[in-house]
Amino acid sequence: MAFSPEVRVGPHSIGREYPPFVIAEMSGNHNGDLDRALAIVDAVADSGAQALKIQTYTADTITIDADGPAFRVEDGHGLWGGRTLHQLYDEAHTPWDWHRPIFDRARQRGLLPFSSPFDPTAIELLEGLGVELYKTASAEIVDLPLIRQVARTGKPIVMSTGMATLREVAAAVEAAAGAGCTDLVLLACTASYPAEPADARLHNIGLLADAFGVPVGLSDHTLGVAVSVAAVALGAVCLEKHVTLDRADGGVDSAFSLEPAELARLRSESEAAWQAARSPRQIGPTESEQAVLRLRRSLYVVQDVRAGDEVTEQNVRSIRPAGGLEPDEISTVLGRRFSRDVSRGTPLAWDLV
């Protein structure tokens, strides 16, 4: 397998040498309203995120309308419990005739629009829209024929790895490579909704990078932005978060989605984390600290003294700023005599005692 160490998509570069690539996932947060979907696009653009992602399926392309136990979400699930898969996906899907206006608005606003396809007809639709990047979802990592078909488009792939074993990830990566993919980004992911920070397993970012030699990011379903920001410090090159206009509006994914102001904060704070993680390994003052060095404590004469006066704790003290003898020399100079008259506020030096 020979993958690029960094991935270029249009004007964007994804890799350790670049600020985090922030992907805003609309998912079903349009709540069945195209105008709301377009408003989400605008909010994402205003946030500074680089990409908008949707999902391309219908209830009938991703499952069947059946009501057996295998086709029903567990009753105890906090968001979707008791619903059939067909019901859930029918509510959450993005109608295919909405794709073009969503993509057009995203491109007009300077975003990179792309999607997760869930079957060959979805790939065909997205190719017709000129998609530049694909995402494969965590649950589809075992659908190697689908991954191969995505790879044959020649477009870069962002592959989510939630729930997968290392062997399953390896099989999916090999399938993509065998079908011609050379630009691959893996996403560490905990596929629970919402996910707990304790389950984030952020050290998998480094594990995946070492195992497969590709850029690695995070698909984050925890609440807030803290886990994503921490992931950048551990090497994540891109971040995917669900986004909505207002969690109070409800919707299938709203409970674990960011609002626009939070997405903007993610964009700025993740870049700050990236800059901090890139700072050099260096013990000692940085260039920006030079001006503050003068505020270190040192020994100063704090009373007017005359030649022959004894050095005491009353006339010599450790104070700010720097310039005098180091504070630890106090035990050496106490009891000595001043060699000449010294004014209050003079830094103590050896030639004064």
Foldseek 3Di string as FASTA:
>chain_A
DAADQWDDFVPDIFHLVDFAQEEAEAFQQCQPPLVQLLVVLVLLLVLVHAAYEYADDALPLQHDPDDDPVQAADQPAPQGHGHGSSVQRNRGHDDLVSVQVSCVSNVVSNHQYEYEYDDPVRVVSVVVNVHQEYEHDQVCLQVLVVLLVVLLVVHEYEYENAPHDPVSNVVSVVSSVVSPHRHYEYADEHPGAQDDLVPSPLLVQVVVCVVPVYAYAHEHQHAAQVSRLVSLLVRHRYYYFYEHQDLVVPTSRSVRGHHSVRSSVNSVSSSVSSVVSPDDPDDDDDPVCPVVLQFAWAKFQAAWDAFFDFDDCVGIDTGDGDDAHHRVCSVVRGGPTFHGTDHGPGHHDPNGD
